[in-house]
Amino acid sequence: MHYHMPVLGFRIGRLTYITDAKSISPEEKRKIREARVLVVNALRKKERISHFNWQEALALIGVGPGRAHLTRTSTISWASCGGGIAATKHTAQMD
């Protein structure tokens, strides 16, 4: 869901692409476990009403794909995160 609006994710082979999402149902999370690569939005460090923040995106990555890429990130937020970018890159590349 993107706030109150349903959002479609895409699955192409073992690649899963989800953008503009804030929540994903347990049923859809099970499908993500089978992915080899996950692309997911992580808009900012701060809590957002309609998009995953970094912590939420990293928790979703923990569901089980072998590799993940964060998209829709804010460059202002990356800069304000200090050392967080290195930790995020390391966590997101779990292979």
N, C-alpha and C. Protein backbone atom coordinates (compact mmCIF):
# COMPACT_ATOMS: atom_id res chain seq x y z
N MET A 1 0.83 -1.18 0.00
CA MET A 1 0.00 0.00 0.00
C MET A 1 0.88 1.25 0.00
N HIS A 2 0.43 2.24 -0.71
CA HIS A 2 1.04 3.56 -0.74
C HIS A 2 0.03 4.47 -0.06
N TYR A 3 0.17 4.62 1.26
CA TYR A 3 -0.81 5.26 2.13
C TYR A 3 -2.10 4.46 2.01
N HIS A 4 -3.14 4.98 1.33
CA HIS A 4 -4.40 4.24 1.18
C HIS A 4 -4.56 3.63 -0.21
N MET A 5 -3.59 3.82 -1.08
CA MET A 5 -3.71 3.35 -2.46
C MET A 5 -2.97 2.03 -2.65
N PRO A 6 -3.60 1.06 -3.31
CA PRO A 6 -2.89 -0.19 -3.61
C PRO A 6 -1.76 0.05 -4.60
N VAL A 7 -0.69 -0.69 -4.44
CA VAL A 7 0.49 -0.57 -5.30
C VAL A 7 0.80 -1.94 -5.87
N LEU A 8 1.22 -1.98 -7.11
CA LEU A 8 1.64 -3.24 -7.72
C LEU A 8 3.16 -3.38 -7.61
N GLY A 9 3.60 -4.56 -7.23
CA GLY A 9 5.01 -4.90 -7.32
C GLY A 9 5.18 -5.73 -8.58
N PHE A 10 6.38 -5.89 -9.03
CA PHE A 10 6.64 -6.66 -10.25
C PHE A 10 7.59 -7.79 -9.95
N ARG A 11 7.34 -8.93 -10.54
CA ARG A 11 8.21 -10.09 -10.40
C ARG A 11 8.59 -10.54 -11.80
N ILE A 12 9.87 -10.52 -12.09
CA ILE A 12 10.40 -10.94 -13.38
C ILE A 12 11.46 -11.99 -13.08
N GLY A 13 11.12 -13.24 -13.29
CA GLY A 13 12.03 -14.31 -12.91
C GLY A 13 12.25 -14.27 -11.40
N ARG A 14 13.51 -14.11 -10.98
CA ARG A 14 13.85 -14.07 -9.55
C ARG A 14 14.09 -12.64 -9.06
N LEU A 15 13.69 -11.65 -9.86
CA LEU A 15 13.80 -10.24 -9.50
C LEU A 15 12.44 -9.73 -9.05
N THR A 16 12.39 -9.09 -7.88
CA THR A 16 11.17 -8.46 -7.38
C THR A 16 11.42 -6.97 -7.28
N TYR A 17 10.51 -6.17 -7.82
CA TYR A 17 10.63 -4.71 -7.83
C TYR A 17 9.41 -4.11 -7.15
N ILE A 18 9.64 -3.37 -6.07
CA ILE A 18 8.55 -2.74 -5.33
C ILE A 18 8.95 -1.29 -5.10
N THR A 19 8.12 -0.36 -5.54
CA THR A 19 8.40 1.05 -5.31
C THR A 19 7.13 1.75 -4.85
N ASP A 20 7.30 2.87 -4.19
CA ASP A 20 6.19 3.66 -3.66
C ASP A 20 5.31 2.86 -2.72
N ALA A 21 5.90 2.04 -1.87
CA ALA A 21 5.12 1.22 -0.95
C ALA A 21 5.43 1.60 0.49
N LYS A 22 4.45 1.42 1.35
CA LYS A 22 4.61 1.62 2.78
C LYS A 22 4.36 0.32 3.55
N SER A 23 3.54 -0.55 2.97
CA SER A 23 3.25 -1.82 3.64
C SER A 23 3.06 -2.92 2.60
N ILE A 24 3.33 -4.14 3.04
CA ILE A 24 3.17 -5.31 2.17
C ILE A 24 2.52 -6.41 3.01
N SER A 25 1.53 -7.06 2.46
CA SER A 25 0.81 -8.10 3.19
C SER A 25 1.72 -9.31 3.44
N PRO A 26 1.43 -10.09 4.47
CA PRO A 26 2.22 -11.30 4.74
C PRO A 26 2.25 -12.25 3.55
N GLU A 27 1.15 -12.36 2.83
CA GLU A 27 1.11 -13.24 1.65
C GLU A 27 2.12 -12.78 0.59
N GLU A 28 2.20 -11.49 0.36
CA GLU A 28 3.15 -10.96 -0.63
C GLU A 28 4.59 -11.08 -0.13
N LYS A 29 4.80 -10.95 1.18
CA LYS A 29 6.15 -11.12 1.72
C LYS A 29 6.67 -12.53 1.48
N ARG A 30 5.79 -13.50 1.53
CA ARG A 30 6.21 -14.89 1.25
C ARG A 30 6.75 -15.01 -0.17
N LYS A 31 6.16 -14.28 -1.10
CA LYS A 31 6.64 -14.31 -2.50
C LYS A 31 8.04 -13.68 -2.61
N ILE A 32 8.31 -12.68 -1.79
CA ILE A 32 9.61 -12.01 -1.82
C ILE A 32 10.72 -12.96 -1.38
N ARG A 33 10.42 -13.86 -0.46
CA ARG A 33 11.43 -14.83 0.01
C ARG A 33 12.04 -15.63 -1.13
N GLU A 34 11.27 -15.86 -2.17
CA GLU A 34 11.75 -16.65 -3.30
C GLU A 34 12.60 -15.83 -4.27
N ALA A 35 12.64 -14.52 -4.08
CA ALA A 35 13.40 -13.66 -4.99
C ALA A 35 14.89 -13.79 -4.75
N ARG A 36 15.64 -13.66 -5.80
CA ARG A 36 17.11 -13.60 -5.68
C ARG A 36 17.56 -12.15 -5.50
N VAL A 37 16.81 -11.22 -6.13
CA VAL A 37 17.12 -9.80 -6.05
C VAL A 37 15.83 -9.04 -5.72
N LEU A 38 15.91 -8.11 -4.77
CA LEU A 38 14.78 -7.26 -4.41
C LEU A 38 15.19 -5.81 -4.61
N VAL A 39 14.36 -5.06 -5.31
CA VAL A 39 14.52 -3.62 -5.44
C VAL A 39 13.34 -3.00 -4.70
N VAL A 40 13.62 -2.16 -3.71
CA VAL A 40 12.56 -1.61 -2.86
C VAL A 40 12.86 -0.15 -2.54
N ASN A 41 11.79 0.64 -2.39
CA ASN A 41 11.97 2.05 -2.05
C ASN A 41 12.38 2.21 -0.59
N ALA A 42 13.20 3.21 -0.34
CA ALA A 42 13.61 3.60 1.01
C ALA A 42 13.78 5.11 0.98
N LEU A 43 12.68 5.82 1.12
CA LEU A 43 12.67 7.24 0.82
C LEU A 43 13.57 8.08 1.73
N ARG A 44 13.45 7.91 3.01
CA ARG A 44 14.23 8.73 3.95
C ARG A 44 14.49 7.98 5.24
N LYS A 45 15.30 8.55 6.07
CA LYS A 45 15.57 7.99 7.39
C LYS A 45 14.34 8.15 8.29
N LYS A 46 13.68 9.29 8.18
CA LYS A 46 12.53 9.64 9.01
C LYS A 46 11.28 8.85 8.57
N GLU A 47 10.40 8.57 9.51
CA GLU A 47 9.13 7.89 9.24
C GLU A 47 8.32 8.68 8.20
N ARG A 48 7.75 7.96 7.25
CA ARG A 48 6.94 8.58 6.19
C ARG A 48 5.55 7.96 6.19
N ILE A 49 4.56 8.70 5.70
CA ILE A 49 3.19 8.22 5.69
C ILE A 49 2.92 7.26 4.53
N SER A 50 3.65 7.39 3.43
CA SER A 50 3.31 6.62 2.24
C SER A 50 4.46 5.83 1.62
N HIS A 51 5.64 5.86 2.22
CA HIS A 51 6.80 5.14 1.70
C HIS A 51 7.56 4.47 2.84
N PHE A 52 8.25 3.37 2.53
CA PHE A 52 9.14 2.78 3.52
C PHE A 52 10.23 3.78 3.87
N ASN A 53 10.58 3.85 5.15
CA ASN A 53 11.80 4.58 5.50
C ASN A 53 12.93 3.55 5.44
N TRP A 54 14.15 3.96 5.78
CA TRP A 54 15.28 3.05 5.63
C TRP A 54 15.15 1.82 6.51
N GLN A 55 14.74 2.02 7.77
CA GLN A 55 14.63 0.87 8.68
C GLN A 55 13.57 -0.12 8.19
N GLU A 56 12.46 0.38 7.71
CA GLU A 56 11.40 -0.51 7.21
C GLU A 56 11.86 -1.27 5.97
N ALA A 57 12.58 -0.59 5.09
CA ALA A 57 13.09 -1.26 3.89
C ALA A 57 14.10 -2.33 4.26
N LEU A 58 14.98 -2.04 5.20
CA LEU A 58 15.97 -3.02 5.62
C LEU A 58 15.31 -4.22 6.31
N ALA A 59 14.23 -3.97 7.04
CA ALA A 59 13.48 -5.08 7.65
C ALA A 59 12.87 -5.96 6.57
N LEU A 60 12.36 -5.34 5.52
CA LEU A 60 11.80 -6.12 4.41
C LEU A 60 12.89 -6.93 3.71
N ILE A 61 14.06 -6.34 3.56
CA ILE A 61 15.18 -7.07 2.96
C ILE A 61 15.50 -8.31 3.79
N GLY A 62 15.33 -8.20 5.08
CA GLY A 62 15.59 -9.33 5.97
C GLY A 62 14.68 -10.51 5.75
N VAL A 63 13.63 -10.35 4.94
CA VAL A 63 12.70 -11.45 4.63
C VAL A 63 13.41 -12.57 3.88
N GLY A 64 14.47 -12.25 3.12
CA GLY A 64 15.20 -13.35 2.55
C GLY A 64 15.79 -13.26 1.16
N PRO A 65 15.64 -12.18 0.40
CA PRO A 65 16.30 -12.19 -0.91
C PRO A 65 17.81 -12.20 -0.76
N GLY A 66 18.51 -12.75 -1.74
CA GLY A 66 19.96 -12.82 -1.67
C GLY A 66 20.64 -11.47 -1.80
N ARG A 67 20.06 -10.57 -2.56
CA ARG A 67 20.64 -9.24 -2.78
C ARG A 67 19.51 -8.24 -2.87
N ALA A 68 19.76 -7.02 -2.40
CA ALA A 68 18.74 -5.99 -2.43
C ALA A 68 19.34 -4.66 -2.85
N HIS A 69 18.51 -3.86 -3.49
CA HIS A 69 18.90 -2.52 -3.91
C HIS A 69 17.81 -1.57 -3.44
N LEU A 70 18.23 -0.44 -2.84
CA LEU A 70 17.29 0.56 -2.38
C LEU A 70 17.12 1.60 -3.47
N THR A 71 15.87 2.03 -3.68
CA THR A 71 15.57 3.02 -4.69
C THR A 71 14.71 4.12 -4.09
N ARG A 72 14.60 5.23 -4.80
CA ARG A 72 13.81 6.38 -4.37
C ARG A 72 14.37 7.01 -3.10
N THR A 73 15.66 6.89 -2.88
CA THR A 73 16.28 7.47 -1.69
C THR A 73 16.51 8.96 -1.90
N SER A 74 16.45 9.71 -0.85
CA SER A 74 16.66 11.15 -0.91
C SER A 74 18.13 11.46 -0.67
N THR A 75 18.77 12.21 -1.56
CA THR A 75 20.18 12.55 -1.39
C THR A 75 20.39 13.42 -0.17
N ILE A 76 19.44 14.26 0.16
CA ILE A 76 19.56 15.09 1.36
C ILE A 76 19.57 14.19 2.59
N SER A 77 18.71 13.21 2.60
CA SER A 77 18.66 12.31 3.75
C SER A 77 19.92 11.46 3.85
N TRP A 78 20.45 11.00 2.72
CA TRP A 78 21.69 10.22 2.76
C TRP A 78 22.79 11.04 3.43
N ALA A 79 22.92 12.31 3.02
CA ALA A 79 23.97 13.16 3.56
C ALA A 79 23.78 13.38 5.06
N SER A 80 22.54 13.54 5.49
CA SER A 80 22.29 13.80 6.91
C SER A 80 22.44 12.56 7.77
N CYS A 81 22.54 11.41 7.14
CA CYS A 81 22.63 10.15 7.88
C CYS A 81 24.02 9.91 8.43
N GLY A 82 25.02 10.64 7.96
CA GLY A 82 26.38 10.45 8.44
C GLY A 82 26.93 9.12 7.99
N GLY A 83 27.29 8.25 8.92
CA GLY A 83 27.88 6.95 8.59
C GLY A 83 26.87 5.91 8.19
N GLY A 84 25.58 6.25 8.18
CA GLY A 84 24.54 5.27 7.89
C GLY A 84 24.59 4.68 6.50
N ILE A 85 25.11 5.40 5.54
CA ILE A 85 25.12 4.90 4.17
C ILE A 85 25.97 3.64 4.05
N ALA A 86 27.11 3.59 4.71
CA ALA A 86 27.96 2.41 4.63
C ALA A 86 27.28 1.22 5.26
N ALA A 87 26.64 1.44 6.39
CA ALA A 87 25.93 0.34 7.08
C ALA A 87 24.78 -0.16 6.22
N THR A 88 24.07 0.77 5.58
CA THR A 88 22.94 0.38 4.74
C THR A 88 23.41 -0.42 3.54
N LYS A 89 24.48 0.03 2.88
CA LYS A 89 24.97 -0.71 1.73
C LYS A 89 25.41 -2.11 2.14
N HIS A 90 26.09 -2.21 3.26
CA HIS A 90 26.57 -3.51 3.72
C HIS A 90 25.39 -4.44 4.03
N THR A 91 24.37 -3.93 4.71
CA THR A 91 23.21 -4.73 5.08
C THR A 91 22.43 -5.14 3.83
N ALA A 92 22.32 -4.24 2.87
CA ALA A 92 21.51 -4.51 1.69
C ALA A 92 22.15 -5.53 0.76
N GLN A 93 23.46 -5.68 0.80
CA GLN A 93 24.14 -6.65 -0.06
C GLN A 93 24.50 -7.86 0.77
N MET A 94 23.56 -8.77 0.87
CA MET A 94 23.71 -9.89 1.78
C MET A 94 24.25 -11.16 1.13
N ASP A 95 24.86 -11.05 -0.02
CA ASP A 95 25.37 -12.26 -0.66
C ASP A 95 26.81 -12.54 -0.30
